[in-house]
Amino acid sequence: MRSKLSATTRASLAAVGERWQRFAAEVGRFLAVGLLATIVALILFNLLVHGFNTADLAPLNDQPEVAYVLANGVGMLISYRGTKLWAFKHRVSRHADGGLAAFVGINALTMLIPITCLFISRDVLGFDDPLSDNISANVIGLGLANAARFFLFRGLVFRRPLGEEPLRPSRREPESDPTR
């Protein structure tokens, strides 16, 4: 049984499939880099705020937002290197500094999301235990911030190479099939 799809349509579907595979690979690499950076930031944050097994020596227990910024500053360095060299290695930065200023700016802006979640949890709802801090900042807030970062980095810092097709199919009229 012969397929009723034209050669042009089959080629278009194959191209869309390849673009979605590239997109899925980028998402996977971005999440892997983010996981490493998050683990480092999570450990630093908890040491600074809760002082796990350090005889309650938590230098920033009363300043969790400051601890979050410091811990995630370290995570940001890890994230920038991994994102630039691996997650978006085939994409180019059109910034003179390789995208570093835009990367830091986007991270600083989106860091407000988990900090706001942490503030609401601690100062509005009154939850100041380690589990509440980590759920508010490192699960809810970080999840929302990472989704925003992925698309902002991809669109503003590491753009697709010139000539690479976008994910959405073009809107041009299909060519007529001479075999019909």
C-alpha atoms as a PDB file:
ATOM      1  CA  MET A   1       0.000   0.000   0.000  1.00  0.00           C
ATOM      2  CA  ARG A   2       1.502   3.285  -1.112  1.00  0.00           C
ATOM      3  CA  SER A   3       1.546   6.240   1.266  1.00  0.00           C
ATOM      4  CA  LYS A   4      -0.620   9.194   0.231  1.00  0.00           C
ATOM      5  CA  LEU A   5       1.974  11.673   1.534  1.00  0.00           C
ATOM      6  CA  SER A   6       3.927  13.552  -1.084  1.00  0.00           C
ATOM      7  CA  ALA A   7       7.712  13.475  -1.127  1.00  0.00           C
ATOM      8  CA  THR A   8       7.747  17.105   0.009  1.00  0.00           C
ATOM      9  CA  THR A   9       5.484  16.319   2.957  1.00  0.00           C
ATOM     10  CA  ARG A  10       7.602  13.314   3.968  1.00  0.00           C
ATOM     11  CA  ALA A  11      10.767  15.455   3.779  1.00  0.00           C
ATOM     12  CA  SER A  12       9.100  18.189   5.865  1.00  0.00           C
ATOM     13  CA  LEU A  13       8.033  15.681   8.529  1.00  0.00           C
ATOM     14  CA  ALA A  14      11.547  14.223   8.661  1.00  0.00           C
ATOM     15  CA  ALA A  15      13.028  17.705   9.100  1.00  0.00           C
ATOM     16  CA  VAL A  16      10.586  18.518  11.912  1.00  0.00           C
ATOM     17  CA  GLY A  17      11.522  15.231  13.598  1.00  0.00           C
ATOM     18  CA  GLU A  18      15.224  16.096  13.429  1.00  0.00           C
ATOM     19  CA  ARG A  19      14.613  19.567  14.859  1.00  0.00           C
ATOM     20  CA  TRP A  20      12.586  18.139  17.754  1.00  0.00           C
ATOM     21  CA  GLN A  21      15.372  15.624  18.440  1.00  0.00           C
ATOM     22  CA  ARG A  22      17.881  18.489  18.603  1.00  0.00           C
ATOM     23  CA  PHE A  23      15.534  20.368  20.920  1.00  0.00           C
ATOM     24  CA  ALA A  24      15.111  17.327  23.207  1.00  0.00           C
ATOM     25  CA  ALA A  25      18.887  16.840  23.302  1.00  0.00           C
ATOM     26  CA  GLU A  26      19.367  20.500  24.275  1.00  0.00           C
ATOM     27  CA  VAL A  27      16.785  20.166  27.040  1.00  0.00           C
ATOM     28  CA  GLY A  28      18.512  17.037  28.355  1.00  0.00           C
ATOM     29  CA  ARG A  29      21.966  18.617  28.382  1.00  0.00           C
ATOM     30  CA  PHE A  30      20.602  21.811  29.951  1.00  0.00           C
ATOM     31  CA  LEU A  31      18.919  19.799  32.714  1.00  0.00           C
ATOM     32  CA  ALA A  32      22.085  17.754  33.368  1.00  0.00           C
ATOM     33  CA  VAL A  33      24.200  20.913  33.731  1.00  0.00           C
ATOM     34  CA  GLY A  34      21.510  22.473  35.894  1.00  0.00           C
ATOM     35  CA  LEU A  35      21.380  19.389  38.104  1.00  0.00           C
ATOM     36  CA  LEU A  36      25.101  19.570  38.845  1.00  0.00           C
ATOM     37  CA  ALA A  37      24.927  23.317  39.561  1.00  0.00           C
ATOM     38  CA  THR A  38      21.836  22.782  41.722  1.00  0.00           C
ATOM     39  CA  ILE A  39      23.472  20.038  43.810  1.00  0.00           C
ATOM     40  CA  VAL A  40      26.426  22.310  44.555  1.00  0.00           C
ATOM     41  CA  ALA A  41      24.142  25.263  45.379  1.00  0.00           C
ATOM     42  CA  LEU A  42      21.849  23.067  47.492  1.00  0.00           C
ATOM     43  CA  ILE A  43      24.728  21.817  49.630  1.00  0.00           C
ATOM     44  CA  LEU A  44      26.150  25.319  50.095  1.00  0.00           C
ATOM     45  CA  PHE A  45      22.740  26.807  50.891  1.00  0.00           C
ATOM     46  CA  ASN A  46      21.991  24.194  53.540  1.00  0.00           C
ATOM     47  CA  LEU A  47      25.416  24.557  55.136  1.00  0.00           C
ATOM     48  CA  LEU A  48      25.050  28.335  55.286  1.00  0.00           C
ATOM     49  CA  VAL A  49      21.461  28.368  56.582  1.00  0.00           C
ATOM     50  CA  HIS A  50      21.165  25.169  58.618  1.00  0.00           C
ATOM     51  CA  GLY A  51      24.775  24.179  59.363  1.00  0.00           C
ATOM     52  CA  PHE A  52      24.105  20.457  59.068  1.00  0.00           C
ATOM     53  CA  ASN A  53      26.215  18.508  61.555  1.00  0.00           C
ATOM     54  CA  THR A  54      28.382  21.514  62.350  1.00  0.00           C
ATOM     55  CA  ALA A  55      27.201  22.007  65.930  1.00  0.00           C
ATOM     56  CA  ASP A  56      24.511  24.427  64.783  1.00  0.00           C
ATOM     57  CA  LEU A  57      27.069  26.755  63.277  1.00  0.00           C
ATOM     58  CA  ALA A  58      24.996  28.210  60.501  1.00  0.00           C
ATOM     59  CA  PRO A  59      26.490  31.589  59.594  1.00  0.00           C
ATOM     60  CA  LEU A  60      23.462  32.808  57.645  1.00  0.00           C
ATOM     61  CA  ASN A  61      20.556  31.180  59.502  1.00  0.00           C
ATOM     62  CA  ASP A  62      18.758  34.497  59.858  1.00  0.00           C
ATOM     63  CA  GLN A  63      19.513  35.526  56.277  1.00  0.00           C
ATOM     64  CA  PRO A  64      18.378  32.677  54.013  1.00  0.00           C
ATOM     65  CA  GLU A  65      17.907  34.967  51.021  1.00  0.00           C
ATOM     66  CA  VAL A  66      21.557  36.096  51.206  1.00  0.00           C
ATOM     67  CA  ALA A  67      22.673  32.479  51.585  1.00  0.00           C
ATOM     68  CA  TYR A  68      20.576  31.545  48.555  1.00  0.00           C
ATOM     69  CA  VAL A  69      22.200  34.247  46.429  1.00  0.00           C
ATOM     70  CA  LEU A  70      25.728  33.241  47.517  1.00  0.00           C
ATOM     71  CA  ALA A  71      25.163  29.518  47.000  1.00  0.00           C
ATOM     72  CA  ASN A  72      23.557  30.061  43.638  1.00  0.00           C
ATOM     73  CA  GLY A  73      26.319  32.442  42.568  1.00  0.00           C
ATOM     74  CA  VAL A  74      28.687  29.478  42.814  1.00  0.00           C
ATOM     75  CA  GLY A  75      26.140  27.320  40.998  1.00  0.00           C
ATOM     76  CA  MET A  76      25.872  29.981  38.290  1.00  0.00           C
ATOM     77  CA  LEU A  77      29.591  29.730  37.517  1.00  0.00           C
ATOM     78  CA  ILE A  78      29.244  25.975  37.067  1.00  0.00           C
ATOM     79  CA  SER A  79      26.098  26.452  35.013  1.00  0.00           C
ATOM     80  CA  TYR A  80      27.643  29.039  32.664  1.00  0.00           C
ATOM     81  CA  ARG A  81      30.624  26.860  31.823  1.00  0.00           C
ATOM     82  CA  GLY A  82      28.519  23.737  31.324  1.00  0.00           C
ATOM     83  CA  THR A  83      25.850  25.515  29.331  1.00  0.00           C
ATOM     84  CA  LYS A  84      28.304  27.311  27.046  1.00  0.00           C
ATOM     85  CA  LEU A  85      30.663  24.372  26.526  1.00  0.00           C
ATOM     86  CA  TRP A  86      28.149  21.515  26.386  1.00  0.00           C
ATOM     87  CA  ALA A  87      24.409  22.204  26.547  1.00  0.00           C
ATOM     88  CA  PHE A  88      24.428  24.893  23.837  1.00  0.00           C
ATOM     89  CA  LYS A  89      27.861  24.201  22.337  1.00  0.00           C
ATOM     90  CA  HIS A  90      26.549  24.286  18.771  1.00  0.00           C
ATOM     91  CA  ARG A  91      24.874  27.657  19.319  1.00  0.00           C
ATOM     92  CA  VAL A  92      26.684  30.941  18.995  1.00  0.00           C
ATOM     93  CA  SER A  93      26.638  33.916  21.266  1.00  0.00           C
ATOM     94  CA  ARG A  94      26.322  37.205  19.483  1.00  0.00           C
ATOM     95  CA  HIS A  95      27.597  39.108  22.489  1.00  0.00           C
ATOM     96  CA  ALA A  96      31.115  40.537  22.670  1.00  0.00           C
ATOM     97  CA  ASP A  97      31.722  38.855  26.036  1.00  0.00           C
ATOM     98  CA  GLY A  98      30.499  35.448  24.871  1.00  0.00           C
ATOM     99  CA  GLY A  99      27.138  35.989  26.526  1.00  0.00           C
ATOM    100  CA  LEU A 100      28.454  36.169  30.087  1.00  0.00           C
ATOM    101  CA  ALA A 101      26.769  39.489  30.971  1.00  0.00           C
ATOM    102  CA  ALA A 102      23.425  38.363  29.512  1.00  0.00           C
ATOM    103  CA  PHE A 103      23.764  34.991  31.278  1.00  0.00           C
ATOM    104  CA  VAL A 104      24.449  36.657  34.639  1.00  0.00           C
ATOM    105  CA  GLY A 105      21.649  39.171  34.081  1.00  0.00           C
ATOM    106  CA  ILE A 106      19.111  36.479  33.260  1.00  0.00           C
ATOM    107  CA  ASN A 107      20.241  34.405  36.250  1.00  0.00           C
ATOM    108  CA  ALA A 108      19.997  37.419  38.565  1.00  0.00           C
ATOM    109  CA  LEU A 109      16.537  38.281  37.279  1.00  0.00           C
ATOM    110  CA  THR A 110      15.194  34.730  37.450  1.00  0.00           C
ATOM    111  CA  MET A 111      16.793  34.209  40.879  1.00  0.00           C
ATOM    112  CA  LEU A 112      14.039  36.472  42.155  1.00  0.00           C
ATOM    113  CA  ILE A 113      11.564  33.640  41.581  1.00  0.00           C
ATOM    114  CA  PRO A 114      12.978  31.180  44.180  1.00  0.00           C
ATOM    115  CA  ILE A 115      13.905  34.048  46.528  1.00  0.00           C
ATOM    116  CA  THR A 116      10.281  35.197  46.435  1.00  0.00           C
ATOM    117  CA  CYS A 117       9.114  31.629  47.147  1.00  0.00           C
ATOM    118  CA  LEU A 118      11.558  31.445  50.079  1.00  0.00           C
ATOM    119  CA  PHE A 119      10.411  34.826  51.401  1.00  0.00           C
ATOM    120  CA  ILE A 120       6.751  33.778  51.246  1.00  0.00           C
ATOM    121  CA  SER A 121       7.478  30.478  52.966  1.00  0.00           C
ATOM    122  CA  ARG A 122       9.586  32.005  55.738  1.00  0.00           C
ATOM    123  CA  ASP A 123       8.193  35.490  56.305  1.00  0.00           C
ATOM    124  CA  VAL A 124       4.549  35.146  55.282  1.00  0.00           C
ATOM    125  CA  LEU A 125       3.744  31.548  56.195  1.00  0.00           C
ATOM    126  CA  GLY A 126       6.273  31.235  59.040  1.00  0.00           C
ATOM    127  CA  PHE A 127       7.956  28.006  57.890  1.00  0.00           C
ATOM    128  CA  ASP A 128      11.674  28.089  58.735  1.00  0.00           C
ATOM    129  CA  ASP A 129      12.644  24.433  58.885  1.00  0.00           C
ATOM    130  CA  PRO A 130      15.067  22.855  56.373  1.00  0.00           C
ATOM    131  CA  LEU A 131      12.347  20.941  54.514  1.00  0.00           C
ATOM    132  CA  SER A 132      10.185  24.036  54.006  1.00  0.00           C
ATOM    133  CA  ASP A 133      13.165  26.123  52.889  1.00  0.00           C
ATOM    134  CA  ASN A 134      14.206  23.511  50.348  1.00  0.00           C
ATOM    135  CA  ILE A 135      10.712  22.868  48.992  1.00  0.00           C
ATOM    136  CA  SER A 136       9.947  26.570  48.585  1.00  0.00           C
ATOM    137  CA  ALA A 137      13.289  27.676  47.112  1.00  0.00           C
ATOM    138  CA  ASN A 138      14.838  24.564  45.581  1.00  0.00           C
ATOM    139  CA  VAL A 139      11.785  22.724  44.280  1.00  0.00           C
ATOM    140  CA  ILE A 140       9.018  25.194  43.479  1.00  0.00           C
ATOM    141  CA  GLY A 141      11.092  28.314  42.901  1.00  0.00           C
ATOM    142  CA  LEU A 142      13.972  26.624  41.110  1.00  0.00           C
ATOM    143  CA  GLY A 143      11.638  24.633  38.873  1.00  0.00           C
ATOM    144  CA  LEU A 144       9.889  27.794  37.715  1.00  0.00           C
ATOM    145  CA  ALA A 145      13.180  29.687  37.346  1.00  0.00           C
ATOM    146  CA  ASN A 146      14.840  26.913  35.322  1.00  0.00           C
ATOM    147  CA  ALA A 147      11.985  26.805  32.829  1.00  0.00           C
ATOM    148  CA  ALA A 148      12.302  30.566  32.341  1.00  0.00           C
ATOM    149  CA  ARG A 149      16.117  30.364  32.093  1.00  0.00           C
ATOM    150  CA  PHE A 150      16.090  27.653  29.447  1.00  0.00           C
ATOM    151  CA  PHE A 151      14.018  29.694  27.025  1.00  0.00           C
ATOM    152  CA  LEU A 152      15.719  33.001  27.863  1.00  0.00           C
ATOM    153  CA  PHE A 153      19.233  31.532  27.440  1.00  0.00           C
ATOM    154  CA  ARG A 154      18.224  29.756  24.262  1.00  0.00           C
ATOM    155  CA  GLY A 155      16.650  32.832  22.732  1.00  0.00           C
ATOM    156  CA  LEU A 156      18.824  35.668  24.029  1.00  0.00           C
ATOM    157  CA  VAL A 157      22.257  34.299  24.938  1.00  0.00           C
ATOM    158  CA  PHE A 158      22.895  31.186  22.849  1.00  0.00           C
ATOM    159  CA  ARG A 159      21.032  31.654  19.591  1.00  0.00           C
ATOM    160  CA  ARG A 160      20.640  28.994  16.968  1.00  0.00           C
ATOM    161  CA  PRO A 161      23.337  29.045  14.315  1.00  0.00           C
ATOM    162  CA  LEU A 162      22.511  30.938  11.159  1.00  0.00           C
ATOM    163  CA  GLY A 163      20.889  28.655   8.640  1.00  0.00           C
ATOM    164  CA  GLU A 164      19.530  26.196  11.223  1.00  0.00           C
ATOM    165  CA  GLU A 165      15.816  25.692  10.834  1.00  0.00           C
ATOM    166  CA  PRO A 166      13.514  26.754  13.697  1.00  0.00           C
ATOM    167  CA  LEU A 167      11.384  24.150  15.463  1.00  0.00           C
ATOM    168  CA  ARG A 168       8.106  25.282  13.988  1.00  0.00           C
ATOM    169  CA  PRO A 169       7.416  24.311  10.404  1.00  0.00           C
ATOM    170  CA  SER A 170       7.503  27.104   7.864  1.00  0.00           C
ATOM    171  CA  ARG A 171       4.240  28.585   6.656  1.00  0.00           C
ATOM    172  CA  ARG A 172       4.989  28.508   2.959  1.00  0.00           C
ATOM    173  CA  GLU A 173       2.615  26.903   0.572  1.00  0.00           C
ATOM    174  CA  PRO A 174       3.348  23.243  -0.155  1.00  0.00           C
ATOM    175  CA  GLU A 175       4.648  22.456  -3.573  1.00  0.00           C
ATOM    176  CA  SER A 176       2.262  20.563  -5.793  1.00  0.00           C
ATOM    177  CA  ASP A 177       2.918  16.873  -6.172  1.00  0.00           C
ATOM    178  CA  PRO A 178       3.649  16.075  -9.829  1.00  0.00           C
ATOM    179  CA  THR A 179       2.633  12.409  -9.307  1.00  0.00           C
ATOM    180  CA  ARG A 180      -1.016  13.273  -8.595  1.00  0.00           C
END
